[in-house]
Amino acid sequence: MVFSLASMPCYLIVALCNNKCKACLPPPCTPLQFFEMVIRFLAEGAASGLNVIAVYVTEILRVTGFDATLKLPHFTPEGVTAVAQWGLVALIGYWLLSICLRLLIGVIKQVFWIIKTVLGLWFFGLIVTDKQASADTTAVRLAGLVLVCVFLTLLTSSSEKSFVVEDRLRRLEGRVNAVESKKKE
C-alpha cells in the first residue's frame, strides 16, 4: 500500500505491539475528513477554554457577592462548532449582501446620471428653441440650467473620490519621506 505525504500527518499513529514500536497507518483520509478532524480538535479546545473562563468568572462573581451558578459543562464542542458555523454563515451573508448592494447602488447611480443628462439636454433644447423669449431671458434660463446641473452633480457625487485622492496623497508623502531619509543616509 502506497501513502502520499499529504496523508501522513493525518494518520501517523505509533503503537506499541509486542514490545516493539511500529507505525500503524490506516487508509489515507480525504481533505474533508482532515478538515473535520481539525475543526473537532479546535472546537474541543475552545469549549474547554471557555469552560475554564466561565468557572473563573463565576468564582469572581461569587466572591464579589453576586449569586452566580454554573452548570458544567456549560460550553460543548458541538455548541462552539454551531456558533462558529452560524458566524461564518452570517459573515458570508454580509459579504454577499454588501456586494449586491454595491452593485445595485452603482446601477442606480448610473440610471440617475442618464436621467439627469437626458433631462438636462431636453431642458436645453426647450430653452434654446423658445422663439418668444428674448436673448437675455434665454441666457438667464441657460445659466439657471447650468447651476442646477452643477448642484445636482455636487449632491450626487460620492465622497469616495476624495478619499481616493487623500489615500494617494498619503502614499506619495510616505514615498517622499522615504526618499528624503535615504538622501540623509
C-alpha atoms as a PDB file:
ATOM      1  CA  MET A   1       0.000   0.000   0.000  1.00  0.00           C
ATOM      2  CA  VAL A   2       1.423   3.399  -1.036  1.00  0.00           C
ATOM      3  CA  PHE A   3       0.716   6.514   1.043  1.00  0.00           C
ATOM      4  CA  SER A   4       1.169  10.069  -0.083  1.00  0.00           C
ATOM      5  CA  LEU A   5       2.937  12.678   2.012  1.00  0.00           C
ATOM      6  CA  ALA A   6      -0.314  14.648   2.268  1.00  0.00           C
ATOM      7  CA  SER A   7      -1.990  11.834   4.195  1.00  0.00           C
ATOM      8  CA  MET A   8       0.896  11.221   6.593  1.00  0.00           C
ATOM      9  CA  PRO A   9       0.112  13.969   9.148  1.00  0.00           C
ATOM     10  CA  CYS A  10      -3.455  12.726   9.341  1.00  0.00           C
ATOM     11  CA  TYR A  11      -2.890   9.107  10.296  1.00  0.00           C
ATOM     12  CA  LEU A  12       0.588   8.529  11.623  1.00  0.00           C
ATOM     13  CA  ILE A  13      -0.172   6.593  14.791  1.00  0.00           C
ATOM     14  CA  VAL A  14       2.584   4.933  16.698  1.00  0.00           C
ATOM     15  CA  ALA A  15       1.512   1.864  18.629  1.00  0.00           C
ATOM     16  CA  LEU A  16       3.372  -0.480  20.877  1.00  0.00           C
ATOM     17  CA  CYS A  17       2.683  -4.031  19.798  1.00  0.00           C
ATOM     18  CA  ASN A  18       4.545  -6.960  21.363  1.00  0.00           C
ATOM     19  CA  ASN A  19       7.030  -4.537  22.966  1.00  0.00           C
ATOM     20  CA  LYS A  20       8.010  -3.298  19.515  1.00  0.00           C
ATOM     21  CA  CYS A  21       7.322   0.182  18.175  1.00  0.00           C
ATOM     22  CA  LYS A  22       5.694   0.115  14.788  1.00  0.00           C
ATOM     23  CA  ALA A  23       3.770   2.691  12.784  1.00  0.00           C
ATOM     24  CA  CYS A  24       0.176   1.798  12.084  1.00  0.00           C
ATOM     25  CA  LEU A  25      -1.042   3.618   9.013  1.00  0.00           C
ATOM     26  CA  PRO A  26      -4.762   3.318   8.361  1.00  0.00           C
ATOM     27  CA  PRO A  27      -6.081   4.224   4.915  1.00  0.00           C
ATOM     28  CA  PRO A  28      -5.361   7.852   3.999  1.00  0.00           C
ATOM     29  CA  CYS A  29      -8.012  10.407   4.864  1.00  0.00           C
ATOM     30  CA  THR A  30      -9.632  12.819   2.478  1.00  0.00           C
ATOM     31  CA  PRO A  31      -9.084  16.552   2.883  1.00  0.00           C
ATOM     32  CA  LEU A  32     -12.670  16.847   4.127  1.00  0.00           C
ATOM     33  CA  GLN A  33     -12.064  14.290   6.871  1.00  0.00           C
ATOM     34  CA  PHE A  34      -8.838  16.040   7.844  1.00  0.00           C
ATOM     35  CA  PHE A  35     -10.656  19.392   7.950  1.00  0.00           C
ATOM     36  CA  GLU A  36     -13.433  17.909  10.123  1.00  0.00           C
ATOM     37  CA  MET A  37     -10.830  16.443  12.478  1.00  0.00           C
ATOM     38  CA  VAL A  38      -9.078  19.813  12.793  1.00  0.00           C
ATOM     39  CA  ILE A  39     -12.400  21.579  13.438  1.00  0.00           C
ATOM     40  CA  ARG A  40     -13.345  18.993  16.074  1.00  0.00           C
ATOM     41  CA  PHE A  41      -9.943  19.454  17.765  1.00  0.00           C
ATOM     42  CA  LEU A  42     -10.253  23.250  17.747  1.00  0.00           C
ATOM     43  CA  ALA A  43     -13.855  23.131  18.982  1.00  0.00           C
ATOM     44  CA  GLU A  44     -12.924  20.875  21.898  1.00  0.00           C
ATOM     45  CA  GLY A  45     -10.069  23.183  22.832  1.00  0.00           C
ATOM     46  CA  ALA A  46     -12.242  26.289  22.547  1.00  0.00           C
ATOM     47  CA  ALA A  47     -15.031  24.695  24.598  1.00  0.00           C
ATOM     48  CA  SER A  48     -12.555  23.675  27.271  1.00  0.00           C
ATOM     49  CA  GLY A  49     -11.055  27.163  27.383  1.00  0.00           C
ATOM     50  CA  LEU A  50     -14.490  28.787  27.547  1.00  0.00           C
ATOM     51  CA  ASN A  51     -15.490  26.470  30.396  1.00  0.00           C
ATOM     52  CA  VAL A  52     -12.365  27.479  32.326  1.00  0.00           C
ATOM     53  CA  ILE A  53     -13.112  31.143  31.726  1.00  0.00           C
ATOM     54  CA  ALA A  54     -16.732  30.604  32.813  1.00  0.00           C
ATOM     55  CA  VAL A  55     -15.568  28.972  36.052  1.00  0.00           C
ATOM     56  CA  TYR A  56     -13.223  31.892  36.770  1.00  0.00           C
ATOM     57  CA  VAL A  57     -15.927  34.452  36.021  1.00  0.00           C
ATOM     58  CA  THR A  58     -18.406  32.576  38.217  1.00  0.00           C
ATOM     59  CA  GLU A  59     -15.873  32.444  41.019  1.00  0.00           C
ATOM     60  CA  ILE A  60     -15.125  36.178  40.689  1.00  0.00           C
ATOM     61  CA  LEU A  61     -18.846  36.970  40.732  1.00  0.00           C
ATOM     62  CA  ARG A  62     -19.365  34.725  43.771  1.00  0.00           C
ATOM     63  CA  VAL A  63     -16.526  36.427  45.654  1.00  0.00           C
ATOM     64  CA  THR A  64     -17.885  39.891  44.857  1.00  0.00           C
ATOM     65  CA  GLY A  65     -21.298  38.977  46.249  1.00  0.00           C
ATOM     66  CA  PHE A  66     -23.316  38.079  43.162  1.00  0.00           C
ATOM     67  CA  ASP A  67     -25.271  34.842  43.176  1.00  0.00           C
ATOM     68  CA  ALA A  68     -23.932  33.079  40.075  1.00  0.00           C
ATOM     69  CA  THR A  69     -24.335  29.379  39.484  1.00  0.00           C
ATOM     70  CA  LEU A  70     -22.681  27.435  36.693  1.00  0.00           C
ATOM     71  CA  LYS A  71     -23.888  24.154  35.318  1.00  0.00           C
ATOM     72  CA  LEU A  72     -20.977  22.118  33.983  1.00  0.00           C
ATOM     73  CA  PRO A  73     -20.261  21.586  31.136  1.00  0.00           C
ATOM     74  CA  HIS A  74     -21.508  24.988  30.116  1.00  0.00           C
ATOM     75  CA  PHE A  75     -19.846  25.068  26.694  1.00  0.00           C
ATOM     76  CA  THR A  76     -19.798  21.989  24.489  1.00  0.00           C
ATOM     77  CA  PRO A  77     -17.736  21.364  21.351  1.00  0.00           C
ATOM     78  CA  GLU A  78     -20.958  20.968  19.377  1.00  0.00           C
ATOM     79  CA  GLY A  79     -22.201  24.335  20.618  1.00  0.00           C
ATOM     80  CA  VAL A  80     -18.916  26.031  19.788  1.00  0.00           C
ATOM     81  CA  THR A  81     -18.996  24.464  16.326  1.00  0.00           C
ATOM     82  CA  ALA A  82     -22.606  25.561  15.783  1.00  0.00           C
ATOM     83  CA  VAL A  83     -21.856  29.135  16.830  1.00  0.00           C
ATOM     84  CA  ALA A  84     -18.779  29.209  14.588  1.00  0.00           C
ATOM     85  CA  GLN A  85     -20.779  27.843  11.648  1.00  0.00           C
ATOM     86  CA  TRP A  86     -23.570  30.378  12.115  1.00  0.00           C
ATOM     87  CA  GLY A  87     -20.984  33.127  12.474  1.00  0.00           C
ATOM     88  CA  LEU A  88     -19.392  32.017   9.220  1.00  0.00           C
ATOM     89  CA  VAL A  89     -22.808  31.951   7.529  1.00  0.00           C
ATOM     90  CA  ALA A  90     -23.506  35.463   8.829  1.00  0.00           C
ATOM     91  CA  LEU A  91     -20.113  36.692   7.598  1.00  0.00           C
ATOM     92  CA  ILE A  92     -20.614  35.202   4.136  1.00  0.00           C
ATOM     93  CA  GLY A  93     -24.170  36.578   4.032  1.00  0.00           C
ATOM     94  CA  TYR A  94     -22.921  40.036   4.996  1.00  0.00           C
ATOM     95  CA  TRP A  95     -20.245  39.839   2.326  1.00  0.00           C
ATOM     96  CA  LEU A  96     -22.705  38.773  -0.383  1.00  0.00           C
ATOM     97  CA  LEU A  97     -25.252  41.382   0.703  1.00  0.00           C
ATOM     98  CA  SER A  98     -22.652  44.143   0.628  1.00  0.00           C
ATOM     99  CA  ILE A  99     -21.569  43.101  -2.876  1.00  0.00           C
ATOM    100  CA  CYS A 100     -25.189  43.039  -4.095  1.00  0.00           C
ATOM    101  CA  LEU A 101     -25.941  46.422  -2.529  1.00  0.00           C
ATOM    102  CA  ARG A 102     -22.807  47.976  -4.024  1.00  0.00           C
ATOM    103  CA  LEU A 103     -23.789  46.686  -7.452  1.00  0.00           C
ATOM    104  CA  LEU A 104     -27.364  47.927  -7.003  1.00  0.00           C
ATOM    105  CA  ILE A 105     -26.219  51.357  -5.824  1.00  0.00           C
ATOM    106  CA  GLY A 106     -23.806  51.573  -8.766  1.00  0.00           C
ATOM    107  CA  VAL A 107     -26.594  50.748 -11.217  1.00  0.00           C
ATOM    108  CA  ILE A 108     -28.921  53.270  -9.567  1.00  0.00           C
ATOM    109  CA  LYS A 109     -26.214  55.958  -9.791  1.00  0.00           C
ATOM    110  CA  GLN A 110     -25.756  55.238 -13.489  1.00  0.00           C
ATOM    111  CA  VAL A 111     -29.528  55.368 -14.101  1.00  0.00           C
ATOM    112  CA  PHE A 112     -29.829  58.684 -12.270  1.00  0.00           C
ATOM    113  CA  TRP A 113     -26.876  60.063 -14.240  1.00  0.00           C
ATOM    114  CA  ILE A 114     -28.584  59.066 -17.501  1.00  0.00           C
ATOM    115  CA  ILE A 115     -31.883  60.609 -16.352  1.00  0.00           C
ATOM    116  CA  LYS A 116     -30.090  63.809 -15.296  1.00  0.00           C
ATOM    117  CA  THR A 117     -28.292  64.039 -18.634  1.00  0.00           C
ATOM    118  CA  VAL A 118     -31.416  63.385 -20.705  1.00  0.00           C
ATOM    119  CA  LEU A 119     -33.450  65.925 -18.712  1.00  0.00           C
ATOM    120  CA  GLY A 120     -30.641  68.487 -18.971  1.00  0.00           C
ATOM    121  CA  LEU A 121     -30.458  68.080 -22.732  1.00  0.00           C
ATOM    122  CA  TRP A 122     -34.241  68.211 -23.027  1.00  0.00           C
ATOM    123  CA  PHE A 123     -34.452  71.427 -20.990  1.00  0.00           C
ATOM    124  CA  PHE A 124     -31.559  72.867 -23.020  1.00  0.00           C
ATOM    125  CA  GLY A 125     -33.492  72.110 -26.192  1.00  0.00           C
ATOM    126  CA  LEU A 126     -36.649  73.711 -24.784  1.00  0.00           C
ATOM    127  CA  ILE A 127     -34.759  76.832 -23.689  1.00  0.00           C
ATOM    128  CA  VAL A 128     -32.918  77.276 -26.974  1.00  0.00           C
ATOM    129  CA  THR A 129     -35.935  76.623 -29.217  1.00  0.00           C
ATOM    130  CA  ASP A 130     -38.234  79.058 -27.362  1.00  0.00           C
ATOM    131  CA  LYS A 131     -38.799  81.725 -30.027  1.00  0.00           C
ATOM    132  CA  GLN A 132     -40.848  84.018 -27.793  1.00  0.00           C
ATOM    133  CA  ALA A 133     -38.038  84.549 -25.233  1.00  0.00           C
ATOM    134  CA  SER A 134     -35.524  87.352 -25.622  1.00  0.00           C
ATOM    135  CA  ALA A 135     -31.770  86.759 -25.645  1.00  0.00           C
ATOM    136  CA  ASP A 136     -31.438  87.952 -22.046  1.00  0.00           C
ATOM    137  CA  THR A 137     -34.193  85.587 -20.879  1.00  0.00           C
ATOM    138  CA  THR A 138     -32.576  82.682 -22.733  1.00  0.00           C
ATOM    139  CA  ALA A 139     -29.194  83.484 -21.166  1.00  0.00           C
ATOM    140  CA  VAL A 140     -30.694  83.597 -17.663  1.00  0.00           C
ATOM    141  CA  ARG A 141     -32.523  80.318 -18.250  1.00  0.00           C
ATOM    142  CA  LEU A 142     -29.330  78.658 -19.526  1.00  0.00           C
ATOM    143  CA  ALA A 143     -27.388  79.981 -16.511  1.00  0.00           C
ATOM    144  CA  GLY A 144     -30.080  78.546 -14.224  1.00  0.00           C
ATOM    145  CA  LEU A 145     -29.889  75.201 -16.038  1.00  0.00           C
ATOM    146  CA  VAL A 146     -26.102  75.155 -15.641  1.00  0.00           C
ATOM    147  CA  LEU A 147     -26.403  75.935 -11.912  1.00  0.00           C
ATOM    148  CA  VAL A 148     -28.992  73.197 -11.422  1.00  0.00           C
ATOM    149  CA  CYS A 149     -26.753  70.700 -13.250  1.00  0.00           C
ATOM    150  CA  VAL A 150     -23.748  71.734 -11.156  1.00  0.00           C
ATOM    151  CA  PHE A 151     -25.684  71.408  -7.896  1.00  0.00           C
ATOM    152  CA  LEU A 152     -27.071  68.010  -8.898  1.00  0.00           C
ATOM    153  CA  THR A 153     -23.557  66.857  -9.757  1.00  0.00           C
ATOM    154  CA  LEU A 154     -22.210  68.065  -6.425  1.00  0.00           C
ATOM    155  CA  LEU A 155     -25.073  66.476  -4.485  1.00  0.00           C
ATOM    156  CA  THR A 156     -24.884  63.120  -6.232  1.00  0.00           C
ATOM    157  CA  SER A 157     -21.106  62.801  -6.466  1.00  0.00           C
ATOM    158  CA  SER A 158     -19.677  60.336  -3.988  1.00  0.00           C
ATOM    159  CA  SER A 159     -17.136  61.321  -1.397  1.00  0.00           C
ATOM    160  CA  GLU A 160     -15.194  58.141  -2.192  1.00  0.00           C
ATOM    161  CA  LYS A 161     -13.247  60.046  -4.834  1.00  0.00           C
ATOM    162  CA  SER A 162     -11.918  62.458  -2.229  1.00  0.00           C
ATOM    163  CA  PHE A 163     -10.846  59.501  -0.066  1.00  0.00           C
ATOM    164  CA  VAL A 164      -9.001  58.003  -3.037  1.00  0.00           C
ATOM    165  CA  VAL A 165      -7.194  61.286  -3.628  1.00  0.00           C
ATOM    166  CA  GLU A 166      -6.308  61.572   0.064  1.00  0.00           C
ATOM    167  CA  ASP A 167      -5.025  57.998   0.088  1.00  0.00           C
ATOM    168  CA  ARG A 168      -2.845  58.651  -2.954  1.00  0.00           C
ATOM    169  CA  LEU A 169      -1.552  61.841  -1.339  1.00  0.00           C
ATOM    170  CA  ARG A 170      -0.628  59.928   1.843  1.00  0.00           C
ATOM    171  CA  ARG A 171       1.211  57.304  -0.201  1.00  0.00           C
ATOM    172  CA  LEU A 172       3.119  59.963  -2.111  1.00  0.00           C
ATOM    173  CA  GLU A 173       4.029  61.730   1.131  1.00  0.00           C
ATOM    174  CA  GLY A 174       5.298  58.430   2.503  1.00  0.00           C
ATOM    175  CA  ARG A 175       7.407  57.890  -0.601  1.00  0.00           C
ATOM    176  CA  VAL A 176       8.792  61.432  -0.388  1.00  0.00           C
ATOM    177  CA  ASN A 177       9.690  60.862   3.280  1.00  0.00           C
ATOM    178  CA  ALA A 178      11.384  57.578   2.358  1.00  0.00           C
ATOM    179  CA  VAL A 179      13.416  59.264  -0.386  1.00  0.00           C
ATOM    180  CA  GLU A 180      14.393  62.118   1.970  1.00  0.00           C
ATOM    181  CA  SER A 181      15.510  59.664   4.645  1.00  0.00           C
ATOM    182  CA  LYS A 182      17.610  57.771   2.057  1.00  0.00           C
ATOM    183  CA  LYS A 183      19.216  61.047   0.973  1.00  0.00           C
ATOM    184  CA  LYS A 184      20.157  61.827   4.594  1.00  0.00           C
ATOM    185  CA  GLU A 185      21.901  58.469   4.931  1.00  0.00           C
END
